[in-house]
Amino acid sequence: MTLKTLATALTIAVLPGLAAAMCSGKTAVEQQAMNCADGTMWDQASSTCVPLSTS
C-alpha cells in the first residue's frame, strides 16, 4: 500500500472515535428536552415531573 492510502485509512478509522469523544461530557438527561404536564414542573433532584404546590 502507498503512504497516501495508509494515511487515508487511518484518518477514516480515527475520526468516528474523535467525534464520539466530543459528546461524552453530556448525559442523556442533560441533552433531552423535558416537557411536564400542566400543573407539574421538572424536579432536577428526582429527575421526574412533580406537582406544583399551592400555598
Protein backbone atom coordinates (compact mmCIF):
# COMPACT_ATOMS: atom_id res chain seq x y z
CA MET A 1 0.00 0.00 0.00
CA THR A 2 1.09 3.52 -0.53
CA LEU A 3 1.60 6.07 2.18
CA LYS A 4 -1.39 8.08 0.95
CA THR A 5 -3.69 5.05 1.23
CA LEU A 6 -2.47 4.27 4.74
CA ALA A 7 -2.95 7.88 5.85
CA THR A 8 -6.49 7.93 4.44
CA ALA A 9 -7.39 4.62 6.11
CA LEU A 10 -6.03 5.83 9.45
CA THR A 11 -7.99 9.07 9.22
CA ILE A 12 -11.23 7.23 8.39
CA ALA A 13 -10.65 4.84 11.31
CA VAL A 14 -9.89 7.57 13.89
CA LEU A 15 -12.47 10.27 13.08
CA PRO A 16 -15.59 8.48 14.45
CA GLY A 17 -13.86 7.97 17.78
CA LEU A 18 -12.93 11.64 17.99
CA ALA A 19 -16.48 12.67 17.13
CA ALA A 20 -17.89 10.44 19.88
CA ALA A 21 -15.39 11.83 22.39
CA MET A 22 -16.61 15.36 21.70
CA CYS A 23 -20.08 14.45 23.05
CA SER A 24 -19.02 12.43 26.07
CA GLY A 25 -19.44 15.28 28.59
CA LYS A 26 -23.24 15.33 28.49
CA THR A 27 -25.68 12.78 29.83
CA ALA A 28 -28.91 11.86 28.09
CA VAL A 29 -30.92 13.79 30.70
CA GLU A 30 -28.95 16.97 30.07
CA GLN A 31 -29.44 16.71 26.31
CA GLN A 32 -33.12 15.80 26.33
CA ALA A 33 -35.79 18.50 26.35
CA MET A 34 -38.29 17.80 29.12
CA ASN A 35 -41.94 18.80 28.99
CA CYS A 36 -44.10 18.23 32.03
CA ALA A 37 -47.88 18.15 32.07
CA ASP A 38 -49.85 21.22 33.13
CA GLY A 39 -49.73 21.66 36.90
CA THR A 40 -46.37 19.95 37.25
CA MET A 41 -42.75 21.05 36.98
CA TRP A 42 -39.41 19.30 36.44
CA ASP A 43 -37.56 18.34 39.62
CA GLN A 44 -33.83 18.08 38.95
CA ALA A 45 -33.13 16.08 42.13
CA SER A 46 -35.58 13.27 41.38
CA SER A 47 -35.47 13.63 37.56
CA THR A 48 -39.27 13.50 37.38
CA CYS A 49 -42.22 15.84 37.00
CA VAL A 50 -43.70 16.78 40.36
CA PRO A 51 -46.97 18.55 41.14
CA LEU A 52 -46.79 22.29 41.78
CA SER A 53 -47.52 23.11 45.39
CA THR A 54 -50.03 25.89 46.01
CA SER A 55 -49.50 27.55 49.36
